[in-house]
Amino acid sequence: MPDKVIKFEFEKRNKNSIRYKEVPENGMPPVLGSIYVQNWFAGDNKNIEVTIKTKD
């Protein structure tokens, strides 16, 4: 399976982290759903991408 790039957009800011919700591709279900990223890393970014690589 090729690498999968998943796009996320800002959902909510918490005390120490930011919750991002997945933007699914048209007609596809979410792969990860929502994720939390620590404030020190996410900064003020409203959109992020996560790449999933398979090892097999």
PDB file of N, CA and C in Angstrom:
ATOM      1  N   MET A   1       0.848  -1.185   0.000  1.00  0.00           N
ATOM      2  CA  MET A   1       0.000   0.000   0.000  1.00  0.00           C
ATOM      3  C   MET A   1       0.889   1.243   0.000  1.00  0.00           C
ATOM      4  N   PRO A   2       0.583   2.220  -0.842  1.00  0.00           N
ATOM      5  CA  PRO A   2       1.394   3.448  -0.879  1.00  0.00           C
ATOM      6  C   PRO A   2       1.168   4.302   0.373  1.00  0.00           C
ATOM      7  N   ASP A   3       2.074   5.254   0.591  1.00  0.00           N
ATOM      8  CA  ASP A   3       1.924   6.183   1.709  1.00  0.00           C
ATOM      9  C   ASP A   3       0.586   6.898   1.606  1.00  0.00           C
ATOM     10  N   LYS A   4      -0.027   7.156   2.754  1.00  0.00           N
ATOM     11  CA  LYS A   4      -1.327   7.820   2.806  1.00  0.00           C
ATOM     12  C   LYS A   4      -1.163   9.159   3.507  1.00  0.00           C
ATOM     13  N   VAL A   5      -1.519  10.243   2.851  1.00  0.00           N
ATOM     14  CA  VAL A   5      -1.476  11.577   3.444  1.00  0.00           C
ATOM     15  C   VAL A   5      -2.893  11.937   3.860  1.00  0.00           C
ATOM     16  N   ILE A   6      -3.055  12.243   5.150  1.00  0.00           N
ATOM     17  CA  ILE A   6      -4.369  12.572   5.693  1.00  0.00           C
ATOM     18  C   ILE A   6      -4.360  14.035   6.109  1.00  0.00           C
ATOM     19  N   LYS A   7      -5.360  14.786   5.679  1.00  0.00           N
ATOM     20  CA  LYS A   7      -5.454  16.209   5.978  1.00  0.00           C
ATOM     21  C   LYS A   7      -6.374  16.436   7.181  1.00  0.00           C
ATOM     22  N   PHE A   8      -5.981  17.391   8.010  1.00  0.00           N
ATOM     23  CA  PHE A   8      -6.738  17.739   9.205  1.00  0.00           C
ATOM     24  C   PHE A   8      -6.923  19.247   9.261  1.00  0.00           C
ATOM     25  N   GLU A   9      -8.052  19.668   9.867  1.00  0.00           N
ATOM     26  CA  GLU A   9      -8.299  21.089  10.073  1.00  0.00           C
ATOM     27  C   GLU A   9      -8.593  21.353  11.547  1.00  0.00           C
ATOM     28  N   PHE A  10      -8.301  22.567  11.970  1.00  0.00           N
ATOM     29  CA  PHE A  10      -8.489  22.977  13.361  1.00  0.00           C
ATOM     30  C   PHE A  10      -9.918  22.713  13.814  1.00  0.00           C
ATOM     31  N   GLU A  11     -10.052  22.169  15.031  1.00  0.00           N
ATOM     32  CA  GLU A  11     -11.378  21.947  15.609  1.00  0.00           C
ATOM     33  C   GLU A  11     -11.521  22.683  16.934  1.00  0.00           C
ATOM     34  N   LYS A  12     -10.534  22.533  17.852  1.00  0.00           N
ATOM     35  CA  LYS A  12     -10.681  23.113  19.184  1.00  0.00           C
ATOM     36  C   LYS A  12      -9.314  23.245  19.850  1.00  0.00           C
ATOM     37  N   ARG A  13      -9.112  24.349  20.563  1.00  0.00           N
ATOM     38  CA  ARG A  13      -7.885  24.556  21.332  1.00  0.00           C
ATOM     39  C   ARG A  13      -8.166  24.210  22.787  1.00  0.00           C
ATOM     40  N   ASN A  14      -7.308  23.393  23.379  1.00  0.00           N
ATOM     41  CA  ASN A  14      -7.380  23.034  24.792  1.00  0.00           C
ATOM     42  C   ASN A  14      -6.216  23.689  25.518  1.00  0.00           C
ATOM     43  N   LYS A  15      -6.069  23.405  26.797  1.00  0.00           N
ATOM     44  CA  LYS A  15      -5.011  24.025  27.592  1.00  0.00           C
ATOM     45  C   LYS A  15      -3.616  23.737  27.024  1.00  0.00           C
ATOM     46  N   ASN A  16      -3.320  22.481  26.742  1.00  0.00           N
ATOM     47  CA  ASN A  16      -1.979  22.087  26.289  1.00  0.00           C
ATOM     48  C   ASN A  16      -1.934  21.487  24.891  1.00  0.00           C
ATOM     49  N   SER A  17      -3.081  21.390  24.231  1.00  0.00           N
ATOM     50  CA  SER A  17      -3.105  20.749  22.916  1.00  0.00           C
ATOM     51  C   SER A  17      -4.185  21.353  22.027  1.00  0.00           C
ATOM     52  N   ILE A  18      -4.119  20.987  20.760  1.00  0.00           N
ATOM     53  CA  ILE A  18      -5.119  21.402  19.784  1.00  0.00           C
ATOM     54  C   ILE A  18      -5.720  20.142  19.178  1.00  0.00           C
ATOM     55  N   ARG A  19      -7.045  20.126  19.081  1.00  0.00           N
ATOM     56  CA  ARG A  19      -7.721  18.989  18.442  1.00  0.00           C
ATOM     57  C   ARG A  19      -7.983  19.350  16.986  1.00  0.00           C
ATOM     58  N   TYR A  20      -7.562  18.449  16.103  1.00  0.00           N
ATOM     59  CA  TYR A  20      -7.793  18.593  14.674  1.00  0.00           C
ATOM     60  C   TYR A  20      -8.730  17.488  14.224  1.00  0.00           C
ATOM     61  N   LYS A  21      -9.646  17.826  13.314  1.00  0.00           N
ATOM     62  CA  LYS A  21     -10.543  16.806  12.758  1.00  0.00           C
ATOM     63  C   LYS A  21     -10.131  16.496  11.335  1.00  0.00           C
ATOM     64  N   GLU A  22     -10.244  15.247  10.993  1.00  0.00           N
ATOM     65  CA  GLU A  22      -9.858  14.785   9.665  1.00  0.00           C
ATOM     66  C   GLU A  22     -10.804  15.327   8.601  1.00  0.00           C
ATOM     67  N   VAL A  23     -10.240  15.667   7.465  1.00  0.00           N
ATOM     68  CA  VAL A  23     -11.018  16.057   6.291  1.00  0.00           C
ATOM     69  C   VAL A  23     -10.976  14.869   5.346  1.00  0.00           C
ATOM     70  N   PRO A  24     -12.021  14.015   5.376  1.00  0.00           N
ATOM     71  CA  PRO A  24     -11.979  12.794   4.553  1.00  0.00           C
ATOM     72  C   PRO A  24     -12.064  13.105   3.064  1.00  0.00           C
ATOM     73  N   GLU A  25     -11.492  12.211   2.276  1.00  0.00           N
ATOM     74  CA  GLU A  25     -11.602  12.332   0.825  1.00  0.00           C
ATOM     75  C   GLU A  25     -13.054  12.077   0.430  1.00  0.00           C
ATOM     76  N   ASN A  26     -13.454  12.603  -0.712  1.00  0.00           N
ATOM     77  CA  ASN A  26     -14.835  12.460  -1.177  1.00  0.00           C
ATOM     78  C   ASN A  26     -15.282  11.003  -1.207  1.00  0.00           C
ATOM     79  N   GLY A  27     -16.369  10.717  -0.506  1.00  0.00           N
ATOM     80  CA  GLY A  27     -16.955   9.390  -0.515  1.00  0.00           C
ATOM     81  C   GLY A  27     -16.246   8.355   0.343  1.00  0.00           C
ATOM     82  N   MET A  28     -15.204   8.741   1.053  1.00  0.00           N
ATOM     83  CA  MET A  28     -14.452   7.790   1.874  1.00  0.00           C
ATOM     84  C   MET A  28     -14.688   8.067   3.357  1.00  0.00           C
ATOM     85  N   PRO A  29     -14.682   7.032   4.188  1.00  0.00           N
ATOM     86  CA  PRO A  29     -14.805   7.249   5.629  1.00  0.00           C
ATOM     87  C   PRO A  29     -13.470   7.759   6.197  1.00  0.00           C
ATOM     88  N   PRO A  30     -13.512   8.390   7.380  1.00  0.00           N
ATOM     89  CA  PRO A  30     -12.263   8.851   8.005  1.00  0.00           C
ATOM     90  C   PRO A  30     -11.328   7.688   8.314  1.00  0.00           C
ATOM     91  N   VAL A  31     -10.028   7.938   8.243  1.00  0.00           N
ATOM     92  CA  VAL A  31      -9.020   6.934   8.567  1.00  0.00           C
ATOM     93  C   VAL A  31      -8.664   7.025  10.054  1.00  0.00           C
ATOM     94  N   LEU A  32      -8.444   8.242  10.549  1.00  0.00           N
ATOM     95  CA  LEU A  32      -8.055   8.449  11.941  1.00  0.00           C
ATOM     96  C   LEU A  32      -9.099   9.188  12.771  1.00  0.00           C
ATOM     97  N   GLY A  33      -9.931   9.988  12.161  1.00  0.00           N
ATOM     98  CA  GLY A  33     -10.911  10.783  12.902  1.00  0.00           C
ATOM     99  C   GLY A  33     -10.274  12.053  13.416  1.00  0.00           C
ATOM    100  N   SER A  34     -10.298  12.250  14.738  1.00  0.00           N
ATOM    101  CA  SER A  34      -9.690  13.432  15.346  1.00  0.00           C
ATOM    102  C   SER A  34      -8.375  13.057  16.016  1.00  0.00           C
ATOM    103  N   ILE A  35      -7.438  14.013  16.020  1.00  0.00           N
ATOM    104  CA  ILE A  35      -6.168  13.806  16.700  1.00  0.00           C
ATOM    105  C   ILE A  35      -5.846  15.036  17.539  1.00  0.00           C
ATOM    106  N   TYR A  36      -5.041  14.840  18.567  1.00  0.00           N
ATOM    107  CA  TYR A  36      -4.579  15.923  19.426  1.00  0.00           C
ATOM    108  C   TYR A  36      -3.090  16.133  19.181  1.00  0.00           C
ATOM    109  N   VAL A  37      -2.695  17.410  19.010  1.00  0.00           N
ATOM    110  CA  VAL A  37      -1.295  17.774  18.804  1.00  0.00           C
ATOM    111  C   VAL A  37      -0.942  18.807  19.870  1.00  0.00           C
ATOM    112  N   GLN A  38       0.205  18.639  20.495  1.00  0.00           N
ATOM    113  CA  GLN A  38       0.628  19.552  21.549  1.00  0.00           C
ATOM    114  C   GLN A  38       0.817  20.968  21.003  1.00  0.00           C
ATOM    115  N   ASN A  39       0.433  21.970  21.827  1.00  0.00           N
ATOM    116  CA  ASN A  39       0.522  23.376  21.426  1.00  0.00           C
ATOM    117  C   ASN A  39       1.924  23.781  20.998  1.00  0.00           C
ATOM    118  N   TRP A  40       2.944  23.295  21.702  1.00  0.00           N
ATOM    119  CA  TRP A  40       4.308  23.719  21.385  1.00  0.00           C
ATOM    120  C   TRP A  40       4.709  23.318  19.976  1.00  0.00           C
ATOM    121  N   PHE A  41       4.100  22.243  19.449  1.00  0.00           N
ATOM    122  CA  PHE A  41       4.419  21.783  18.101  1.00  0.00           C
ATOM    123  C   PHE A  41       3.478  22.393  17.059  1.00  0.00           C
ATOM    124  N   ALA A  42       2.195  22.421  17.357  1.00  0.00           N
ATOM    125  CA  ALA A  42       1.192  22.872  16.391  1.00  0.00           C
ATOM    126  C   ALA A  42       1.228  24.380  16.167  1.00  0.00           C
ATOM    127  N   GLY A  43       1.578  25.149  17.205  1.00  0.00           N
ATOM    128  CA  GLY A  43       1.599  26.600  17.070  1.00  0.00           C
ATOM    129  C   GLY A  43       0.223  27.128  16.705  1.00  0.00           C
ATOM    130  N   ASP A  44       0.167  28.021  15.724  1.00  0.00           N
ATOM    131  CA  ASP A  44      -1.101  28.614  15.286  1.00  0.00           C
ATOM    132  C   ASP A  44      -1.607  28.017  13.978  1.00  0.00           C
ATOM    133  N   ASN A  45      -1.093  26.853  13.603  1.00  0.00           N
ATOM    134  CA  ASN A  45      -1.489  26.228  12.338  1.00  0.00           C
ATOM    135  C   ASN A  45      -2.932  25.761  12.384  1.00  0.00           C
ATOM    136  N   LYS A  46      -3.697  26.126  11.378  1.00  0.00           N
ATOM    137  CA  LYS A  46      -5.103  25.733  11.280  1.00  0.00           C
ATOM    138  C   LYS A  46      -5.290  24.452  10.481  1.00  0.00           C
ATOM    139  N   ASN A  47      -4.298  24.100   9.679  1.00  0.00           N
ATOM    140  CA  ASN A  47      -4.365  22.885   8.863  1.00  0.00           C
ATOM    141  C   ASN A  47      -3.049  22.136   8.984  1.00  0.00           C
ATOM    142  N   ILE A  48      -3.142  20.808   9.104  1.00  0.00           N
ATOM    143  CA  ILE A  48      -1.956  19.963   9.173  1.00  0.00           C
ATOM    144  C   ILE A  48      -2.181  18.733   8.303  1.00  0.00           C
ATOM    145  N   GLU A  49      -1.093  18.041   7.983  1.00  0.00           N
ATOM    146  CA  GLU A  49      -1.157  16.779   7.251  1.00  0.00           C
ATOM    147  C   GLU A  49      -0.343  15.740   8.014  1.00  0.00           C
ATOM    148  N   VAL A  50      -0.849  14.514   8.018  1.00  0.00           N
ATOM    149  CA  VAL A  50      -0.157  13.390   8.631  1.00  0.00           C
ATOM    150  C   VAL A  50       0.041  12.332   7.545  1.00  0.00           C
ATOM    151  N   THR A  51       1.261  11.810   7.456  1.00  0.00           N
ATOM    152  CA  THR A  51       1.561  10.761   6.474  1.00  0.00           C
ATOM    153  C   THR A  51       1.704   9.427   7.189  1.00  0.00           C
ATOM    154  N   ILE A  52       0.995   8.427   6.715  1.00  0.00           N
ATOM    155  CA  ILE A  52       1.074   7.072   7.261  1.00  0.00           C
ATOM    156  C   ILE A  52       1.834   6.214   6.261  1.00  0.00           C
ATOM    157  N   LYS A  53       2.897   5.571   6.734  1.00  0.00           N
ATOM    158  CA  LYS A  53       3.681   4.668   5.893  1.00  0.00           C
ATOM    159  C   LYS A  53       3.513   3.252   6.407  1.00  0.00           C
ATOM    160  N   THR A  54       3.265   2.325   5.516  1.00  0.00           N
ATOM    161  CA  THR A  54       3.186   0.929   5.904  1.00  0.00           C
ATOM    162  C   THR A  54       4.575   0.305   5.758  1.00  0.00           C
ATOM    163  N   LYS A  55       4.874  -0.667   6.612  1.00  0.00           N
ATOM    164  CA  LYS A  55       6.208  -1.272   6.623  1.00  0.00           C
ATOM    165  C   LYS A  55       6.266  -2.637   5.947  1.00  0.00           C
ATOM    166  N   ASP A  56       5.123  -3.227   5.655  1.00  0.00           N
ATOM    167  CA  ASP A  56       5.148  -4.577   5.080  1.00  0.00           C
ATOM    168  C   ASP A  56       5.171  -4.563   3.594  1.00  0.00           C
TER     169      ASP A  56
END
